[in-house]
Amino acid sequence: MMLQLALPIVVIGIINIVIGAICAAAERGLRGLLAFTCVSELGLVLVGIGSVNSTALLGVVYQIMVFGLALAGLVLFCGIMIERTGNSYFIDKKGVAVWGGLAVYAPALCIAVAIFMASVLGVPGLSGFIGRALIIIGSFIGHPVAIIIAVAATLVATYSFFRMFVY
C-alpha cells in the first residue's frame, strides 16, 4: 500500500515545498514567513516519507524534532517583537525596514535568532543540517528531480530569512 502511494506523497511534498517557498519570499511579516516556512518544511518531510528509504525516514524523524525546537525559538522571537512593536512586519507597505538597527539594542537576541534561523535552513554544523542531509541523501536515489527542486526551494527560503534578518 505504501509503495503505491509513494509517488503521490512525493508530488504533494514538492507542491508544498514550491508554494511555501514562493509565498515565504513574498512575505513582509515574520508570522507569515514562519507559517510558509512550515509548509515548505513539511513538504520536505513528505518527500522523505514518500521515498520509503530507511535513511530518509530517519532524517524525517530527526528533522521534525529539530524543526520544532528551532521554530519554537523563532516563534518566541516573533512574540517578543509583536509585544514590543505591535505587529510582526519587518518591512512596511512602502518597503521601509521596521526593525532596522535591532542588533544595536539587543545583540544577544539577534545572535540567538541567527542561530535558530540557521538551524531551520540546515546550515552545516547545526542540528537542522543532519535531518535535511539524511532526507536528501535517502531520497535522491528514488526521486532526484524532487530533491533538486527541494534544494532550490531551500535557497529561496534562505533568501526570505536573510531578507528578514537584514531588514
Protein backbone atom coordinates (compact mmCIF):
# COMPACT_ATOMS: atom_id res chain seq x y z
CA MET A 1 0.00 0.00 0.00
CA MET A 2 2.75 2.46 0.93
CA LEU A 3 4.69 1.76 -2.26
CA GLN A 4 1.59 2.59 -4.32
CA LEU A 5 1.16 5.91 -2.50
CA ALA A 6 4.85 6.86 -2.53
CA LEU A 7 4.79 8.87 -5.76
CA PRO A 8 1.63 10.88 -4.91
CA ILE A 9 3.12 11.68 -1.48
CA VAL A 10 6.32 12.95 -3.13
CA VAL A 11 4.33 15.04 -5.62
CA ILE A 12 2.27 16.61 -2.81
CA GLY A 13 5.50 17.27 -0.93
CA ILE A 14 7.06 19.03 -3.92
CA ILE A 15 3.93 21.16 -4.34
CA ASN A 16 4.16 22.13 -0.65
CA ILE A 17 7.84 22.97 -0.98
CA VAL A 18 7.38 25.18 -4.04
CA ILE A 19 4.25 27.01 -2.84
CA GLY A 20 5.70 27.52 0.63
CA ALA A 21 8.96 28.91 -0.74
CA ILE A 22 7.27 31.29 -3.18
CA CYS A 23 4.85 32.60 -0.56
CA ALA A 24 7.63 32.98 2.02
CA ALA A 25 9.66 35.04 -0.44
CA ALA A 26 6.75 37.45 -0.88
CA GLU A 27 6.02 37.78 2.85
CA ARG A 28 6.68 41.01 4.76
CA GLY A 29 5.85 39.75 8.27
CA LEU A 30 7.52 37.21 10.49
CA ARG A 31 4.32 35.31 11.31
CA GLY A 32 3.59 34.66 7.66
CA LEU A 33 7.23 33.86 6.96
CA LEU A 34 7.24 31.21 9.69
CA ALA A 35 3.91 29.78 8.51
CA PHE A 36 5.04 29.40 4.90
CA THR A 37 8.37 28.01 6.02
CA CYS A 38 6.47 25.34 7.95
CA VAL A 39 4.51 24.47 4.80
CA SER A 40 7.73 24.15 2.83
CA GLU A 41 9.47 22.15 5.56
CA LEU A 42 6.59 19.71 5.85
CA GLY A 43 6.82 19.27 2.08
CA LEU A 44 10.41 18.14 2.58
CA VAL A 45 9.19 15.73 5.25
CA LEU A 46 6.60 14.35 2.80
CA VAL A 47 9.32 13.82 0.19
CA GLY A 48 11.32 11.89 2.78
CA ILE A 49 8.31 9.78 3.73
CA GLY A 50 7.45 9.14 0.09
CA SER A 51 10.95 7.90 -0.65
CA VAL A 52 10.32 4.79 1.51
CA ASN A 53 14.01 4.64 2.38
CA SER A 54 15.32 3.99 5.88
CA THR A 55 17.88 6.80 5.66
CA ALA A 56 15.26 9.32 4.57
CA LEU A 57 12.79 8.15 7.21
CA LEU A 58 15.42 8.56 9.92
CA GLY A 59 16.06 12.05 8.58
CA VAL A 60 12.31 12.77 8.67
CA VAL A 61 12.07 11.90 12.35
CA TYR A 62 15.13 13.95 13.19
CA GLN A 63 14.03 16.88 11.03
CA ILE A 64 10.59 17.06 12.65
CA MET A 65 12.15 17.14 16.11
CA VAL A 66 14.82 19.72 15.27
CA PHE A 67 12.50 21.93 13.24
CA GLY A 68 10.01 22.02 16.10
CA LEU A 69 12.68 23.18 18.54
CA ALA A 70 14.11 25.82 16.21
CA LEU A 71 10.65 27.01 15.28
CA ALA A 72 9.83 27.45 18.96
CA GLY A 73 12.74 29.87 19.29
CA LEU A 74 11.65 31.82 16.21
CA VAL A 75 8.04 31.97 17.45
CA LEU A 76 9.31 33.28 20.79
CA PHE A 77 11.20 35.99 18.89
CA CYS A 78 8.06 36.77 16.91
CA GLY A 79 6.09 37.12 20.14
CA ILE A 80 8.71 39.45 21.61
CA MET A 81 8.66 41.63 18.50
CA ILE A 82 4.85 41.75 18.40
CA GLU A 83 4.82 42.77 22.06
CA ARG A 84 7.44 45.48 21.53
CA THR A 85 6.38 46.87 18.15
CA GLY A 86 2.69 45.99 17.95
CA ASN A 87 2.97 43.89 14.78
CA SER A 88 5.13 41.25 13.16
CA TYR A 89 6.05 43.15 9.99
CA PHE A 90 9.74 43.68 9.35
CA ILE A 91 9.03 45.62 6.12
CA ASP A 92 6.15 48.07 5.89
CA LYS A 93 3.94 48.63 2.84
CA LYS A 94 6.35 51.21 1.41
CA GLY A 95 9.31 48.82 1.62
CA VAL A 96 10.95 50.55 4.58
CA ALA A 97 12.59 48.46 7.31
CA VAL A 98 10.61 48.43 10.55
CA TRP A 99 13.07 46.56 12.78
CA GLY A 100 16.23 48.21 11.46
CA GLY A 101 19.04 48.54 14.00
CA LEU A 102 17.73 45.86 16.35
CA ALA A 103 21.22 44.35 16.73
CA VAL A 104 22.45 47.57 18.33
CA TYR A 105 19.85 47.40 21.11
CA ALA A 106 19.55 43.62 21.54
CA PRO A 107 22.68 41.86 20.26
CA ALA A 108 22.16 38.66 22.29
CA LEU A 109 18.64 38.31 20.94
CA CYS A 110 19.85 38.76 17.36
CA ILE A 111 22.57 36.13 17.84
CA ALA A 112 20.02 33.65 19.21
CA VAL A 113 17.65 34.36 16.30
CA ALA A 114 20.50 33.92 13.82
CA ILE A 115 21.31 30.51 15.31
CA PHE A 116 17.66 29.40 15.19
CA MET A 117 17.34 30.72 11.65
CA ALA A 118 20.49 28.94 10.50
CA SER A 119 19.30 25.71 12.11
CA VAL A 120 15.97 25.90 10.27
CA LEU A 121 17.83 26.47 7.00
CA GLY A 122 20.10 23.47 7.56
CA VAL A 123 23.45 25.21 7.86
CA PRO A 124 26.26 22.66 8.39
CA GLY A 125 27.35 22.39 11.99
CA LEU A 126 23.87 22.97 13.36
CA SER A 127 21.15 20.47 14.17
CA GLY A 128 18.96 21.21 11.14
CA PHE A 129 21.68 20.05 8.77
CA ILE A 130 21.61 16.43 9.92
CA GLY A 131 17.92 15.80 9.24
CA ARG A 132 17.95 17.71 5.97
CA ALA A 133 21.07 15.87 4.76
CA LEU A 134 19.62 12.47 5.66
CA ILE A 135 16.41 13.26 3.78
CA ILE A 136 18.29 14.50 0.73
CA ILE A 137 20.70 11.55 0.67
CA GLY A 138 17.98 8.97 1.26
CA SER A 139 15.52 10.42 -1.24
CA PHE A 140 17.94 11.26 -4.04
CA ILE A 141 18.16 7.65 -5.23
CA GLY A 142 14.44 7.32 -5.90
CA HIS A 143 13.43 10.91 -6.65
CA PRO A 144 16.36 13.03 -7.88
CA VAL A 145 14.16 15.69 -9.54
CA ALA A 146 12.20 16.18 -6.31
CA ILE A 147 15.40 16.68 -4.35
CA ILE A 148 16.77 19.20 -6.86
CA ILE A 149 13.52 21.17 -6.53
CA ALA A 150 13.71 20.90 -2.73
CA VAL A 151 17.27 22.24 -2.66
CA ALA A 152 16.30 25.13 -4.95
CA ALA A 153 13.38 25.94 -2.65
CA THR A 154 15.77 25.90 0.30
CA LEU A 155 17.73 28.66 -1.44
CA VAL A 156 14.52 30.68 -1.75
CA ALA A 157 13.82 30.13 1.96
CA THR A 158 17.35 31.28 2.72
CA TYR A 159 16.68 34.48 0.78
CA SER A 160 13.44 35.02 2.72
CA PHE A 161 15.04 34.58 6.14
CA PHE A 162 18.06 36.72 5.36
CA ARG A 163 15.81 39.44 4.00
CA MET A 164 14.05 39.44 7.36
CA PHE A 165 17.35 39.42 9.22
CA VAL A 166 18.96 42.20 7.20
CA TYR A 167 15.94 44.49 7.33
